[in-house]
Amino acid sequence: MAALARSFRPAMRLLSSSRPVVTTKRGYADEMSFTFAAANQVYYVGANVKQVDVPSFSGSFGILPNHVPTLAVLKPGVVTVYEADGSKKEVFVSSGTVTINDDSSVQVLAEEACLVDELDRSACQDVLSKAQSQLASASSAVEKAEAEIAVEVGQELVRAAA
């Protein structure tokens, strides 16, 4: 018991000492620097935005200024950007990553991306139909896995274009 008390004594001294507590404040209380790029286009570079909603494999979530630093993998779906002027932009992504940094900056890097307004519903339906055909005819585990991914992307494309 005495050994236990000796091990807690230094910790108790730290807790009861009158040393000032130093805290650091993350910057940009109401601002969020946002960068969004894909292989085919750059959508935002250091833009000031209010909020970004992203689809991730751990669940869809919204990002506001001072969000806890996070790294997430994007799943097929729509990234919604609420711009500083109150307008909203929706971009379909096939996959990618989102990084939220300690300074409130956010980066979205997409494998493929397209503005939702530019999606052609019949073309999206064709993508889904072809992916479903590939899945039905897949003979190996690799072909099946690739086709399942294509079906998921196709389903989300159709949903986004609706």
C-alpha atoms as a PDB file:
ATOM      1  CA  MET A   1       0.000   0.000   0.000  1.00  0.00           C
ATOM      2  CA  ALA A   2       2.857   2.370   0.802  1.00  0.00           C
ATOM      3  CA  ALA A   3       4.353   1.715  -2.650  1.00  0.00           C
ATOM      4  CA  LEU A   4       1.038   2.616  -4.264  1.00  0.00           C
ATOM      5  CA  ALA A   5       0.857   5.863  -2.304  1.00  0.00           C
ATOM      6  CA  ARG A   6       4.433   6.732  -3.332  1.00  0.00           C
ATOM      7  CA  SER A   7       3.584   6.264  -7.007  1.00  0.00           C
ATOM      8  CA  PHE A   8       0.543   8.567  -6.792  1.00  0.00           C
ATOM      9  CA  ARG A   9       2.255  11.296  -4.794  1.00  0.00           C
ATOM     10  CA  PRO A  10       4.025  12.986  -7.774  1.00  0.00           C
ATOM     11  CA  ALA A  11       0.797  13.007  -9.761  1.00  0.00           C
ATOM     12  CA  MET A  12      -1.111  14.538  -6.880  1.00  0.00           C
ATOM     13  CA  ARG A  13       1.536  17.257  -6.524  1.00  0.00           C
ATOM     14  CA  LEU A  14       1.078  18.158 -10.188  1.00  0.00           C
ATOM     15  CA  LEU A  15      -2.679  18.352  -9.810  1.00  0.00           C
ATOM     16  CA  SER A  16      -2.568  20.482  -6.695  1.00  0.00           C
ATOM     17  CA  SER A  17       0.209  22.821  -7.831  1.00  0.00           C
ATOM     18  CA  SER A  18      -0.711  26.389  -8.673  1.00  0.00           C
ATOM     19  CA  ARG A  19       1.042  26.383 -12.044  1.00  0.00           C
ATOM     20  CA  PRO A  20      -0.830  28.254 -14.751  1.00  0.00           C
ATOM     21  CA  VAL A  21      -2.568  26.085 -17.304  1.00  0.00           C
ATOM     22  CA  VAL A  22      -1.420  26.786 -20.839  1.00  0.00           C
ATOM     23  CA  THR A  23      -3.963  26.253 -23.578  1.00  0.00           C
ATOM     24  CA  THR A  24      -3.640  26.780 -27.275  1.00  0.00           C
ATOM     25  CA  LYS A  25      -6.466  27.918 -29.443  1.00  0.00           C
ATOM     26  CA  ARG A  26      -6.824  26.624 -32.956  1.00  0.00           C
ATOM     27  CA  GLY A  27      -7.153  29.487 -35.404  1.00  0.00           C
ATOM     28  CA  TYR A  28      -9.839  30.634 -37.807  1.00  0.00           C
ATOM     29  CA  ALA A  29     -12.882  30.524 -35.546  1.00  0.00           C
ATOM     30  CA  ASP A  30     -15.391  31.111 -38.341  1.00  0.00           C
ATOM     31  CA  GLU A  31     -13.300  30.275 -41.385  1.00  0.00           C
ATOM     32  CA  MET A  32     -12.404  27.052 -43.072  1.00  0.00           C
ATOM     33  CA  SER A  33      -9.863  26.941 -45.884  1.00  0.00           C
ATOM     34  CA  PHE A  34     -11.091  24.322 -48.361  1.00  0.00           C
ATOM     35  CA  THR A  35      -9.293  22.596 -51.214  1.00  0.00           C
ATOM     36  CA  PHE A  36     -11.060  20.052 -53.424  1.00  0.00           C
ATOM     37  CA  ALA A  37      -9.407  18.385 -56.386  1.00  0.00           C
ATOM     38  CA  ALA A  38      -9.790  15.346 -58.593  1.00  0.00           C
ATOM     39  CA  ALA A  39      -7.635  13.972 -61.374  1.00  0.00           C
ATOM     40  CA  ASN A  40      -9.846  15.678 -63.967  1.00  0.00           C
ATOM     41  CA  GLN A  41     -10.483  19.063 -62.301  1.00  0.00           C
ATOM     42  CA  VAL A  42      -9.688  21.353 -59.371  1.00  0.00           C
ATOM     43  CA  TYR A  43     -12.897  22.628 -57.764  1.00  0.00           C
ATOM     44  CA  TYR A  44     -11.584  24.751 -54.853  1.00  0.00           C
ATOM     45  CA  VAL A  45      -8.142  25.990 -53.788  1.00  0.00           C
ATOM     46  CA  GLY A  46      -7.944  27.545 -50.337  1.00  0.00           C
ATOM     47  CA  ALA A  47     -11.528  28.801 -50.579  1.00  0.00           C
ATOM     48  CA  ASN A  48     -13.337  30.082 -47.499  1.00  0.00           C
ATOM     49  CA  VAL A  49     -16.435  27.902 -47.038  1.00  0.00           C
ATOM     50  CA  LYS A  50     -19.001  27.503 -44.252  1.00  0.00           C
ATOM     51  CA  GLN A  51     -19.499  23.728 -44.275  1.00  0.00           C
ATOM     52  CA  VAL A  52     -18.660  20.584 -46.228  1.00  0.00           C
ATOM     53  CA  ASP A  53     -20.700  17.360 -46.063  1.00  0.00           C
ATOM     54  CA  VAL A  54     -18.878  14.212 -47.167  1.00  0.00           C
ATOM     55  CA  PRO A  55     -19.818  10.543 -47.649  1.00  0.00           C
ATOM     56  CA  SER A  56     -17.297   8.273 -45.923  1.00  0.00           C
ATOM     57  CA  PHE A  57     -17.051   4.575 -45.186  1.00  0.00           C
ATOM     58  CA  SER A  58     -17.422   5.367 -41.484  1.00  0.00           C
ATOM     59  CA  GLY A  59     -20.626   7.308 -42.221  1.00  0.00           C
ATOM     60  CA  SER A  60     -21.502  10.606 -43.821  1.00  0.00           C
ATOM     61  CA  PHE A  61     -20.556  13.664 -41.787  1.00  0.00           C
ATOM     62  CA  GLY A  62     -20.494  17.436 -41.903  1.00  0.00           C
ATOM     63  CA  ILE A  63     -17.364  19.510 -41.439  1.00  0.00           C
ATOM     64  CA  LEU A  64     -17.521  22.947 -39.826  1.00  0.00           C
ATOM     65  CA  PRO A  65     -14.716  25.311 -38.783  1.00  0.00           C
ATOM     66  CA  ASN A  66     -12.756  23.956 -35.805  1.00  0.00           C
ATOM     67  CA  HIS A  67     -13.746  20.356 -36.570  1.00  0.00           C
ATOM     68  CA  VAL A  68     -11.567  17.814 -34.823  1.00  0.00           C
ATOM     69  CA  PRO A  69      -8.627  16.813 -37.043  1.00  0.00           C
ATOM     70  CA  THR A  70      -9.650  13.737 -39.018  1.00  0.00           C
ATOM     71  CA  LEU A  71      -8.619  11.557 -41.923  1.00  0.00           C
ATOM     72  CA  ALA A  72     -11.357   9.571 -43.685  1.00  0.00           C
ATOM     73  CA  VAL A  73     -11.831   7.524 -46.842  1.00  0.00           C
ATOM     74  CA  LEU A  74     -14.594   8.733 -49.137  1.00  0.00           C
ATOM     75  CA  LYS A  75     -17.152   6.325 -50.514  1.00  0.00           C
ATOM     76  CA  PRO A  76     -19.112   6.940 -53.707  1.00  0.00           C
ATOM     77  CA  GLY A  77     -21.591   9.756 -53.169  1.00  0.00           C
ATOM     78  CA  VAL A  78     -22.146  13.489 -53.165  1.00  0.00           C
ATOM     79  CA  VAL A  79     -19.876  16.016 -51.469  1.00  0.00           C
ATOM     80  CA  THR A  80     -21.935  19.104 -50.615  1.00  0.00           C
ATOM     81  CA  VAL A  81     -20.108  22.408 -50.179  1.00  0.00           C
ATOM     82  CA  TYR A  82     -21.847  25.341 -48.483  1.00  0.00           C
ATOM     83  CA  GLU A  83     -19.994  28.388 -49.730  1.00  0.00           C
ATOM     84  CA  ALA A  84     -19.370  31.601 -47.782  1.00  0.00           C
ATOM     85  CA  ASP A  85     -22.068  33.461 -49.744  1.00  0.00           C
ATOM     86  CA  GLY A  86     -24.691  30.868 -48.752  1.00  0.00           C
ATOM     87  CA  SER A  87     -24.805  29.026 -52.076  1.00  0.00           C
ATOM     88  CA  LYS A  88     -24.487  25.248 -52.263  1.00  0.00           C
ATOM     89  CA  LYS A  89     -22.458  23.151 -54.712  1.00  0.00           C
ATOM     90  CA  GLU A  90     -22.798  19.372 -55.064  1.00  0.00           C
ATOM     91  CA  VAL A  91     -20.064  17.214 -56.554  1.00  0.00           C
ATOM     92  CA  PHE A  92     -20.278  13.456 -57.095  1.00  0.00           C
ATOM     93  CA  VAL A  93     -17.125  11.544 -56.072  1.00  0.00           C
ATOM     94  CA  SER A  94     -16.315   7.927 -56.844  1.00  0.00           C
ATOM     95  CA  SER A  95     -13.786   7.590 -54.001  1.00  0.00           C
ATOM     96  CA  GLY A  96     -10.962   9.501 -52.360  1.00  0.00           C
ATOM     97  CA  THR A  97      -9.881  10.965 -49.041  1.00  0.00           C
ATOM     98  CA  VAL A  98     -10.790  13.871 -46.803  1.00  0.00           C
ATOM     99  CA  THR A  99      -8.238  15.438 -44.464  1.00  0.00           C
ATOM    100  CA  ILE A 100      -9.239  17.879 -41.725  1.00  0.00           C
ATOM    101  CA  ASN A 101      -6.226  19.653 -40.244  1.00  0.00           C
ATOM    102  CA  ASP A 102      -5.646  21.296 -36.874  1.00  0.00           C
ATOM    103  CA  ASP A 103      -5.755  24.780 -38.441  1.00  0.00           C
ATOM    104  CA  SER A 104      -9.326  24.175 -39.757  1.00  0.00           C
ATOM    105  CA  SER A 105      -8.139  23.622 -43.313  1.00  0.00           C
ATOM    106  CA  VAL A 106      -9.813  20.785 -45.226  1.00  0.00           C
ATOM    107  CA  GLN A 107      -8.658  18.889 -48.292  1.00  0.00           C
ATOM    108  CA  VAL A 108     -10.792  16.550 -50.367  1.00  0.00           C
ATOM    109  CA  LEU A 109      -8.905  14.510 -52.953  1.00  0.00           C
ATOM    110  CA  ALA A 110     -11.187  12.491 -55.199  1.00  0.00           C
ATOM    111  CA  GLU A 111     -10.297   9.711 -57.602  1.00  0.00           C
ATOM    112  CA  GLU A 112     -13.022  10.929 -59.979  1.00  0.00           C
ATOM    113  CA  ALA A 113     -15.483  13.786 -59.552  1.00  0.00           C
ATOM    114  CA  CYS A 114     -18.244  15.506 -61.499  1.00  0.00           C
ATOM    115  CA  LEU A 115     -20.653  18.322 -60.696  1.00  0.00           C
ATOM    116  CA  VAL A 116     -24.065  16.804 -59.949  1.00  0.00           C
ATOM    117  CA  ASP A 117     -25.674  19.354 -62.290  1.00  0.00           C
ATOM    118  CA  GLU A 118     -23.647  17.889 -65.168  1.00  0.00           C
ATOM    119  CA  LEU A 119     -24.676  14.254 -64.609  1.00  0.00           C
ATOM    120  CA  ASP A 120     -26.788  12.679 -67.354  1.00  0.00           C
ATOM    121  CA  ARG A 121     -29.351  10.381 -65.776  1.00  0.00           C
ATOM    122  CA  SER A 122     -29.536   7.976 -68.725  1.00  0.00           C
ATOM    123  CA  ALA A 123     -25.739   7.749 -68.931  1.00  0.00           C
ATOM    124  CA  CYS A 124     -25.614   7.021 -65.181  1.00  0.00           C
ATOM    125  CA  GLN A 125     -28.228   4.292 -65.638  1.00  0.00           C
ATOM    126  CA  ASP A 126     -26.094   2.799 -68.449  1.00  0.00           C
ATOM    127  CA  VAL A 127     -23.057   2.748 -66.144  1.00  0.00           C
ATOM    128  CA  LEU A 128     -25.099   0.882 -63.529  1.00  0.00           C
ATOM    129  CA  SER A 129     -26.509  -1.605 -66.077  1.00  0.00           C
ATOM    130  CA  LYS A 130     -23.040  -2.397 -67.445  1.00  0.00           C
ATOM    131  CA  ALA A 131     -21.673  -2.850 -63.926  1.00  0.00           C
ATOM    132  CA  GLN A 132     -24.524  -5.212 -63.028  1.00  0.00           C
ATOM    133  CA  SER A 133     -23.829  -7.235 -66.200  1.00  0.00           C
ATOM    134  CA  GLN A 134     -20.147  -7.449 -65.285  1.00  0.00           C
ATOM    135  CA  LEU A 135     -21.094  -8.644 -61.812  1.00  0.00           C
ATOM    136  CA  ALA A 136     -23.404 -11.330 -63.215  1.00  0.00           C
ATOM    137  CA  SER A 137     -20.678 -12.643 -65.529  1.00  0.00           C
ATOM    138  CA  ALA A 138     -17.745 -12.341 -63.094  1.00  0.00           C
ATOM    139  CA  SER A 139     -15.909 -15.640 -62.802  1.00  0.00           C
ATOM    140  CA  SER A 140     -13.032 -14.869 -60.449  1.00  0.00           C
ATOM    141  CA  ALA A 141     -12.974 -13.284 -57.024  1.00  0.00           C
ATOM    142  CA  VAL A 142     -11.068 -10.286 -58.400  1.00  0.00           C
ATOM    143  CA  GLU A 143     -13.579  -9.745 -61.225  1.00  0.00           C
ATOM    144  CA  LYS A 144     -16.434 -10.042 -58.754  1.00  0.00           C
ATOM    145  CA  ALA A 145     -14.867  -7.515 -56.345  1.00  0.00           C
ATOM    146  CA  GLU A 146     -14.201  -5.032 -59.165  1.00  0.00           C
ATOM    147  CA  ALA A 147     -17.760  -5.428 -60.453  1.00  0.00           C
ATOM    148  CA  GLU A 148     -19.221  -4.930 -56.952  1.00  0.00           C
ATOM    149  CA  ILE A 149     -17.317  -1.661 -56.653  1.00  0.00           C
ATOM    150  CA  ALA A 150     -18.563  -0.585 -60.086  1.00  0.00           C
ATOM    151  CA  VAL A 151     -22.156  -1.440 -59.084  1.00  0.00           C
ATOM    152  CA  GLU A 152     -21.837   0.638 -55.914  1.00  0.00           C
ATOM    153  CA  VAL A 153     -20.500   3.609 -57.889  1.00  0.00           C
ATOM    154  CA  GLY A 154     -23.268   3.149 -60.481  1.00  0.00           C
ATOM    155  CA  GLN A 155     -25.989   3.052 -57.836  1.00  0.00           C
ATOM    156  CA  GLU A 156     -24.706   6.255 -56.226  1.00  0.00           C
ATOM    157  CA  LEU A 157     -24.387   7.927 -59.655  1.00  0.00           C
ATOM    158  CA  VAL A 158     -28.039   7.133 -60.405  1.00  0.00           C
ATOM    159  CA  ARG A 159     -29.084   8.390 -56.967  1.00  0.00           C
ATOM    160  CA  ALA A 160     -27.109  11.626 -57.442  1.00  0.00           C
ATOM    161  CA  ALA A 161     -28.537  12.213 -60.938  1.00  0.00           C
ATOM    162  CA  ALA A 162     -32.149  11.708 -59.814  1.00  0.00           C
END
